[in-house]
Amino acid sequence: MTRRRIASPIAYRPVEAHSPAIEAGHYVFVSGQLPLDARGAAVEGPPAAQVEQAVENLRLHLESVGLGLESVVMLTVYVTTAAALAAVDGVCTRLFAQPRPARSVLGVAFLPENATVCIEAVAVRY
């Protein structure tokens, strides 16, 4: 099986220590997406705004290989506050169609860029 690095030309560029996403066979593994805009600047505002940006970054990476949010089968979400978790629930309910992806949520003490959320995903090409 071949592996291919994926990076949206529109989303922010992470450090070279990792790939934004990797396509392996029918699967796409998207690294944790922070609420950073295309310039790499942290999105200010309430947790919901940060969640929206993290999901948008996830969508952009998937879109660069012809997939969308409907192809996501698993989310891993890291949050630093209960308010961030509530925002994740609201945004995911609105943006992910039924059946929604499986999901794990982990409470953490710290995320880069003072983010309150980080979202990684596994998508499948049907």
N, C-alpha and C. Protein backbone atom coordinates (compact mmCIF):
# COMPACT_ATOMS: atom_id res chain seq x y z
N MET A 1 0.84 -1.17 0.00
CA MET A 1 0.00 0.00 0.00
C MET A 1 0.89 1.24 0.00
N THR A 2 0.53 2.19 -0.81
CA THR A 2 1.30 3.43 -0.86
C THR A 2 0.70 4.47 0.07
N ARG A 3 1.55 5.33 0.54
CA ARG A 3 1.12 6.46 1.37
C ARG A 3 1.44 7.74 0.63
N ARG A 4 0.53 8.73 0.80
CA ARG A 4 0.72 10.00 0.11
C ARG A 4 0.40 11.13 1.08
N ARG A 5 1.30 12.11 1.14
CA ARG A 5 1.09 13.30 1.97
C ARG A 5 0.04 14.18 1.32
N ILE A 6 -0.86 14.70 2.16
CA ILE A 6 -1.92 15.58 1.69
C ILE A 6 -1.82 16.89 2.46
N ALA A 7 -1.95 17.99 1.74
CA ALA A 7 -1.97 19.31 2.36
C ALA A 7 -2.80 20.24 1.48
N SER A 8 -3.84 20.79 2.04
CA SER A 8 -4.65 21.75 1.30
C SER A 8 -3.82 23.00 1.01
N PRO A 9 -3.92 23.53 -0.21
CA PRO A 9 -3.21 24.78 -0.51
C PRO A 9 -3.87 25.99 0.14
N ILE A 10 -5.08 25.79 0.69
CA ILE A 10 -5.84 26.89 1.28
C ILE A 10 -5.68 26.95 2.80
N ALA A 11 -5.56 25.81 3.44
CA ALA A 11 -5.44 25.76 4.91
C ALA A 11 -4.03 26.17 5.33
N TYR A 12 -3.88 26.48 6.61
CA TYR A 12 -2.56 26.86 7.12
C TYR A 12 -1.57 25.72 6.95
N ARG A 13 -0.31 26.06 6.86
CA ARG A 13 0.76 25.07 6.70
C ARG A 13 1.37 24.76 8.06
N PRO A 14 1.28 23.51 8.50
CA PRO A 14 1.90 23.16 9.78
C PRO A 14 3.41 23.05 9.65
N VAL A 15 4.07 22.91 10.77
CA VAL A 15 5.52 22.69 10.75
C VAL A 15 5.81 21.40 10.00
N GLU A 16 7.00 21.27 9.49
CA GLU A 16 7.35 20.10 8.69
C GLU A 16 7.56 18.83 9.51
N ALA A 17 7.38 18.89 10.81
CA ALA A 17 7.58 17.71 11.64
C ALA A 17 6.50 16.65 11.41
N HIS A 18 5.41 17.03 10.76
CA HIS A 18 4.35 16.07 10.47
C HIS A 18 3.60 16.48 9.21
N SER A 19 2.80 15.56 8.70
CA SER A 19 1.96 15.83 7.52
C SER A 19 0.59 16.29 7.99
N PRO A 20 -0.03 17.24 7.29
CA PRO A 20 -1.40 17.63 7.63
C PRO A 20 -2.35 16.44 7.51
N ALA A 21 -2.10 15.60 6.51
CA ALA A 21 -2.92 14.40 6.32
C ALA A 21 -2.12 13.40 5.49
N ILE A 22 -2.50 12.14 5.63
CA ILE A 22 -1.88 11.05 4.86
C ILE A 22 -3.00 10.21 4.26
N GLU A 23 -2.87 9.93 2.98
CA GLU A 23 -3.79 9.00 2.33
C GLU A 23 -3.08 7.66 2.24
N ALA A 24 -3.75 6.61 2.73
CA ALA A 24 -3.21 5.26 2.70
C ALA A 24 -4.34 4.32 2.28
N GLY A 25 -4.24 3.80 1.07
CA GLY A 25 -5.32 2.96 0.57
C GLY A 25 -6.61 3.76 0.46
N HIS A 26 -7.69 3.24 1.03
CA HIS A 26 -8.99 3.91 1.00
C HIS A 26 -9.16 4.91 2.14
N TYR A 27 -8.15 5.06 2.98
CA TYR A 27 -8.28 5.90 4.17
C TYR A 27 -7.48 7.19 4.07
N VAL A 28 -8.01 8.22 4.72
CA VAL A 28 -7.29 9.49 4.87
C VAL A 28 -7.25 9.79 6.36
N PHE A 29 -6.06 9.97 6.88
CA PHE A 29 -5.84 10.28 8.29
C PHE A 29 -5.44 11.75 8.38
N VAL A 30 -6.28 12.56 9.01
CA VAL A 30 -6.02 14.00 9.10
C VAL A 30 -5.47 14.31 10.49
N SER A 31 -4.30 14.93 10.53
CA SER A 31 -3.68 15.33 11.80
C SER A 31 -4.58 16.31 12.54
N GLY A 32 -4.32 16.45 13.83
CA GLY A 32 -5.10 17.36 14.65
C GLY A 32 -5.13 18.76 14.06
N GLN A 33 -6.32 19.27 13.87
CA GLN A 33 -6.51 20.60 13.29
C GLN A 33 -6.84 21.60 14.39
N LEU A 34 -6.03 22.63 14.45
CA LEU A 34 -6.22 23.71 15.41
C LEU A 34 -7.07 24.81 14.78
N PRO A 35 -7.62 25.69 15.57
CA PRO A 35 -8.39 26.82 15.02
C PRO A 35 -7.47 27.94 14.54
N LEU A 36 -6.76 27.66 13.45
CA LEU A 36 -5.85 28.63 12.84
C LEU A 36 -6.37 28.98 11.46
N ASP A 37 -6.30 30.26 11.10
CA ASP A 37 -6.74 30.68 9.77
C ASP A 37 -5.65 30.36 8.75
N ALA A 38 -5.89 30.71 7.49
CA ALA A 38 -4.98 30.37 6.40
C ALA A 38 -3.57 30.94 6.60
N ARG A 39 -3.46 32.05 7.35
CA ARG A 39 -2.14 32.64 7.63
C ARG A 39 -1.45 31.97 8.81
N GLY A 40 -2.17 31.09 9.51
CA GLY A 40 -1.63 30.44 10.68
C GLY A 40 -1.89 31.21 11.96
N ALA A 41 -2.74 32.24 11.88
CA ALA A 41 -3.09 33.03 13.06
C ALA A 41 -4.22 32.36 13.83
N ALA A 42 -4.12 32.36 15.13
CA ALA A 42 -5.15 31.77 15.98
C ALA A 42 -6.46 32.53 15.85
N VAL A 43 -7.55 31.79 15.74
CA VAL A 43 -8.88 32.39 15.69
C VAL A 43 -9.27 32.81 17.10
N GLU A 44 -9.62 34.06 17.25
CA GLU A 44 -10.06 34.58 18.54
C GLU A 44 -11.55 34.35 18.68
N GLY A 45 -12.04 34.46 19.89
CA GLY A 45 -13.48 34.37 20.08
C GLY A 45 -13.90 33.17 20.89
N PRO A 46 -15.20 32.95 20.94
CA PRO A 46 -15.75 31.89 21.76
C PRO A 46 -15.34 30.51 21.24
N PRO A 47 -15.50 29.48 22.08
CA PRO A 47 -15.14 28.13 21.64
C PRO A 47 -15.81 27.71 20.34
N ALA A 48 -17.05 28.11 20.10
CA ALA A 48 -17.74 27.71 18.87
C ALA A 48 -16.99 28.22 17.64
N ALA A 49 -16.45 29.42 17.68
CA ALA A 49 -15.69 29.96 16.55
C ALA A 49 -14.43 29.14 16.33
N GLN A 50 -13.80 28.70 17.40
CA GLN A 50 -12.60 27.88 17.28
C GLN A 50 -12.93 26.51 16.70
N VAL A 51 -14.03 25.92 17.15
CA VAL A 51 -14.45 24.62 16.63
C VAL A 51 -14.76 24.73 15.14
N GLU A 52 -15.49 25.78 14.76
CA GLU A 52 -15.83 25.99 13.35
C GLU A 52 -14.56 26.04 12.49
N GLN A 53 -13.54 26.76 12.95
CA GLN A 53 -12.30 26.88 12.17
C GLN A 53 -11.56 25.55 12.10
N ALA A 54 -11.51 24.81 13.19
CA ALA A 54 -10.84 23.51 13.19
C ALA A 54 -11.53 22.56 12.21
N VAL A 55 -12.86 22.54 12.21
CA VAL A 55 -13.60 21.69 11.27
C VAL A 55 -13.40 22.18 9.84
N GLU A 56 -13.36 23.49 9.64
CA GLU A 56 -13.11 24.02 8.30
C GLU A 56 -11.74 23.58 7.79
N ASN A 57 -10.72 23.60 8.63
CA ASN A 57 -9.39 23.13 8.22
C ASN A 57 -9.44 21.65 7.85
N LEU A 58 -10.14 20.87 8.66
CA LEU A 58 -10.32 19.45 8.37
C LEU A 58 -10.99 19.29 7.00
N ARG A 59 -12.06 20.04 6.75
CA ARG A 59 -12.78 19.97 5.48
C ARG A 59 -11.86 20.32 4.30
N LEU A 60 -11.05 21.36 4.46
CA LEU A 60 -10.16 21.78 3.37
C LEU A 60 -9.15 20.69 3.00
N HIS A 61 -8.58 20.03 3.99
CA HIS A 61 -7.63 18.96 3.69
C HIS A 61 -8.34 17.81 2.97
N LEU A 62 -9.53 17.45 3.42
CA LEU A 62 -10.28 16.38 2.76
C LEU A 62 -10.66 16.78 1.34
N GLU A 63 -11.11 18.01 1.18
CA GLU A 63 -11.51 18.50 -0.14
C GLU A 63 -10.36 18.45 -1.14
N SER A 64 -9.14 18.62 -0.67
CA SER A 64 -8.00 18.62 -1.58
C SER A 64 -7.77 17.26 -2.23
N VAL A 65 -8.42 16.20 -1.71
CA VAL A 65 -8.34 14.87 -2.33
C VAL A 65 -9.73 14.38 -2.76
N GLY A 66 -10.66 15.32 -2.92
CA GLY A 66 -11.98 14.97 -3.43
C GLY A 66 -12.94 14.38 -2.43
N LEU A 67 -12.67 14.53 -1.16
CA LEU A 67 -13.57 14.03 -0.12
C LEU A 67 -14.22 15.20 0.62
N GLY A 68 -15.19 14.89 1.45
CA GLY A 68 -15.86 15.91 2.26
C GLY A 68 -16.11 15.39 3.65
N LEU A 69 -16.80 16.17 4.44
CA LEU A 69 -17.08 15.77 5.82
C LEU A 69 -17.90 14.49 5.90
N GLU A 70 -18.68 14.20 4.85
CA GLU A 70 -19.49 12.98 4.87
C GLU A 70 -18.64 11.72 4.82
N SER A 71 -17.37 11.84 4.46
CA SER A 71 -16.48 10.68 4.40
C SER A 71 -15.81 10.40 5.74
N VAL A 72 -15.99 11.27 6.73
CA VAL A 72 -15.36 11.09 8.04
C VAL A 72 -16.07 9.99 8.81
N VAL A 73 -15.30 9.02 9.29
CA VAL A 73 -15.87 7.92 10.07
C VAL A 73 -15.46 7.96 11.54
N MET A 74 -14.41 8.72 11.87
CA MET A 74 -13.94 8.80 13.25
C MET A 74 -13.34 10.16 13.52
N LEU A 75 -13.73 10.75 14.64
CA LEU A 75 -13.15 12.01 15.11
C LEU A 75 -12.51 11.76 16.47
N THR A 76 -11.36 12.36 16.69
CA THR A 76 -10.79 12.44 18.02
C THR A 76 -10.69 13.93 18.33
N VAL A 77 -11.28 14.32 19.44
CA VAL A 77 -11.40 15.72 19.80
C VAL A 77 -10.69 15.95 21.13
N TYR A 78 -9.84 16.95 21.16
CA TYR A 78 -9.14 17.35 22.38
C TYR A 78 -9.69 18.71 22.79
N VAL A 79 -10.14 18.84 24.03
CA VAL A 79 -10.70 20.10 24.52
C VAL A 79 -10.03 20.48 25.84
N THR A 80 -9.97 21.78 26.09
CA THR A 80 -9.38 22.26 27.34
C THR A 80 -10.43 22.74 28.33
N THR A 81 -11.69 22.90 27.87
CA THR A 81 -12.75 23.38 28.75
C THR A 81 -14.07 22.68 28.45
N ALA A 82 -14.98 22.70 29.42
CA ALA A 82 -16.32 22.15 29.21
C ALA A 82 -17.07 22.96 28.15
N ALA A 83 -16.83 24.26 28.10
CA ALA A 83 -17.48 25.10 27.08
C ALA A 83 -17.05 24.68 25.67
N ALA A 84 -15.80 24.28 25.53
CA ALA A 84 -15.32 23.81 24.23
C ALA A 84 -16.03 22.52 23.84
N LEU A 85 -16.26 21.64 24.79
CA LEU A 85 -16.97 20.40 24.50
C LEU A 85 -18.40 20.69 24.05
N ALA A 86 -19.07 21.60 24.73
CA ALA A 86 -20.43 21.97 24.34
C ALA A 86 -20.43 22.55 22.92
N ALA A 87 -19.43 23.34 22.59
CA ALA A 87 -19.32 23.91 21.25
C ALA A 87 -19.09 22.82 20.22
N VAL A 88 -18.26 21.85 20.54
CA VAL A 88 -18.01 20.72 19.63
C VAL A 88 -19.33 20.01 19.34
N ASP A 89 -20.11 19.74 20.39
CA ASP A 89 -21.38 19.05 20.19
C ASP A 89 -22.29 19.84 19.25
N GLY A 90 -22.39 21.15 19.47
CA GLY A 90 -23.25 21.97 18.64
C GLY A 90 -22.81 22.04 17.19
N VAL A 91 -21.52 22.27 16.98
CA VAL A 91 -21.00 22.38 15.62
C VAL A 91 -21.08 21.04 14.90
N CYS A 92 -20.70 19.96 15.56
CA CYS A 92 -20.72 18.65 14.91
C CYS A 92 -22.14 18.21 14.57
N THR A 93 -23.10 18.53 15.44
CA THR A 93 -24.50 18.20 15.15
C THR A 93 -24.96 18.91 13.88
N ARG A 94 -24.49 20.12 13.69
CA ARG A 94 -24.90 20.92 12.53
C ARG A 94 -24.14 20.55 11.26
N LEU A 95 -22.85 20.24 11.35
CA LEU A 95 -22.03 20.05 10.15
C LEU A 95 -21.88 18.60 9.68
N PHE A 96 -22.09 17.65 10.55
CA PHE A 96 -21.95 16.24 10.16
C PHE A 96 -23.33 15.60 10.07
N ALA A 97 -23.62 15.02 8.89
CA ALA A 97 -24.91 14.39 8.66
C ALA A 97 -24.97 13.02 9.34
N GLN A 98 -26.16 12.52 9.51
CA GLN A 98 -26.37 11.17 10.04
C GLN A 98 -25.95 10.15 9.00
N PRO A 99 -25.39 9.05 9.36
CA PRO A 99 -24.90 8.76 10.70
C PRO A 99 -23.62 9.54 10.96
N ARG A 100 -23.58 10.21 12.09
CA ARG A 100 -22.40 11.01 12.43
C ARG A 100 -21.21 10.10 12.73
N PRO A 101 -20.00 10.64 12.58
CA PRO A 101 -18.81 9.83 12.84
C PRO A 101 -18.76 9.35 14.29
N ALA A 102 -18.08 8.23 14.48
CA ALA A 102 -17.74 7.81 15.84
C ALA A 102 -16.82 8.89 16.40
N ARG A 103 -16.77 9.00 17.74
CA ARG A 103 -15.99 10.11 18.29
C ARG A 103 -15.44 9.75 19.67
N SER A 104 -14.23 10.19 19.90
CA SER A 104 -13.63 10.14 21.23
C SER A 104 -13.30 11.57 21.62
N VAL A 105 -13.50 11.90 22.90
CA VAL A 105 -13.20 13.23 23.41
C VAL A 105 -12.24 13.09 24.58
N LEU A 106 -11.18 13.87 24.54
CA LEU A 106 -10.19 13.86 25.61
C LEU A 106 -10.04 15.26 26.17
N GLY A 107 -10.13 15.39 27.48
CA GLY A 107 -9.86 16.66 28.14
C GLY A 107 -8.37 16.78 28.36
N VAL A 108 -7.80 17.91 27.95
CA VAL A 108 -6.36 18.12 28.08
C VAL A 108 -6.09 19.46 28.76
N ALA A 109 -4.92 19.59 29.32
CA ALA A 109 -4.56 20.82 30.03
C ALA A 109 -4.03 21.90 29.09
N PHE A 110 -3.50 21.50 27.94
CA PHE A 110 -2.82 22.46 27.07
C PHE A 110 -2.97 22.05 25.61
N LEU A 111 -3.18 23.04 24.75
CA LEU A 111 -3.11 22.85 23.30
C LEU A 111 -2.26 23.98 22.72
N PRO A 112 -1.55 23.74 21.63
CA PRO A 112 -0.75 24.80 21.01
C PRO A 112 -1.60 26.01 20.64
N GLU A 113 -0.96 27.16 20.57
CA GLU A 113 -1.61 28.42 20.18
C GLU A 113 -2.74 28.84 21.11
N ASN A 114 -2.72 28.35 22.35
CA ASN A 114 -3.78 28.64 23.33
C ASN A 114 -5.17 28.25 22.84
N ALA A 115 -5.23 27.25 21.97
CA ALA A 115 -6.51 26.78 21.44
C ALA A 115 -7.29 26.07 22.53
N THR A 116 -8.61 26.06 22.39
CA THR A 116 -9.44 25.30 23.32
C THR A 116 -9.89 23.99 22.70
N VAL A 117 -9.58 23.78 21.41
CA VAL A 117 -9.99 22.55 20.73
C VAL A 117 -8.97 22.17 19.66
N CYS A 118 -8.85 20.88 19.44
CA CYS A 118 -8.04 20.31 18.36
C CYS A 118 -8.79 19.06 17.88
N ILE A 119 -8.96 18.94 16.57
CA ILE A 119 -9.77 17.84 16.03
C ILE A 119 -8.98 17.09 14.97
N GLU A 120 -8.87 15.77 15.16
CA GLU A 120 -8.27 14.91 14.14
C GLU A 120 -9.33 13.95 13.62
N ALA A 121 -9.09 13.40 12.43
CA ALA A 121 -10.13 12.58 11.82
C ALA A 121 -9.55 11.45 10.98
N VAL A 122 -10.39 10.43 10.81
CA VAL A 122 -10.14 9.36 9.85
C VAL A 122 -11.31 9.39 8.88
N ALA A 123 -10.99 9.44 7.59
CA ALA A 123 -12.02 9.43 6.55
C ALA A 123 -11.77 8.23 5.66
N VAL A 124 -12.82 7.81 4.98
CA VAL A 124 -12.70 6.66 4.09
C VAL A 124 -13.28 7.03 2.73
N ARG A 125 -12.60 6.55 1.71
CA ARG A 125 -13.07 6.75 0.33
C ARG A 125 -13.94 5.54 -0.02
N TYR A 126 -15.23 5.75 -0.20
CA TYR A 126 -16.18 4.64 -0.46
C TYR A 126 -16.15 4.24 -1.91
